[in-house]
């Protein structure tokens, strides 16, 4: 119980520190949100009035205190760029898309990479292992955005399996949204699949050299019983860490893939907001990303204990 309490306290402190650093950073960098919205030809009076309306004329620490108090109640302020829209409303409209893309990508990664990784380790040094290694090396070298362009051209333009740029919101047509997001999910997943296969293969081969494997063989277990009954669970520990990093990365917003497929997700919102100096949206987005990373790390610690009882007992 103490372990979980310490983790929660650490999570809260991390979020507070990151939110303060983010708020301060966007307050001291050159540029003015009011001037960016009104244009360089705006009168000083108009700029000053807009600064007062946004509260930009107050000291940084006062603005941070006001923002934090409102954020604790779920209010992240009003967007500078998207008039008459709250930050919470903007994020609520983008978050389901990013989460759906992340879930689909994760399913593809797990379903494909775990069997391939185990197959590669099972036939280490033989032709299946060689083929999988060569394909993995090639796929790891291909960026997601290039895969996205190839997928868009082949399946969108040539084969017309989906309409390029024809994204459908999940609240209007969930099935249509899933069909459209399948191809971006594949573009995100393919390089990650190659990496997970390599991680799992190397981890399994490392575990196969340990004493408990020889003990399992001495008790008459077959290769499959040793591999899947003893080695697999222990080999998953380093793989869990990498998969968690992948999940956090995708949930933060797949910036390039969202741009290639014209997906209105969190990554695209963050890039647009930074360009427009929309500080409230940027601050809330960074806080969201930080929360995702910290929570994922917490979940990884729990999964470690489930995967290896020795960690729990320690």
Foldseek 3Di string as FASTA:
>chain_A
DVVVVVLVVVLVVLLVVLLLVLLVVLLPDDDDLLCLLVDPPDDPVSSVVVCVVVVVVDDSVVVSVVQVVVVVVVFLAPWSVDPPDGLSRLQVQFQVLLLLLLVLLLVVLVVQQPVLLLVLLLQPPDDSVVVLLVQLVVQLPDALLNQLVVCCCVCCPPVNVDDFPPADRCVVPVVSNNSLSNSSSCSLNRNVSSVLSVQLNVLLNVQCPDDVLVVCVVVPDDPCCSSPVPRNLRSCLVSLVSSLVSSLVSSLPPQSSCVSRVRRHNNVVLVVCVVSSRSSNVSVSSSVSSSSSSVSVVVSLVVNCVSDVVSVVD
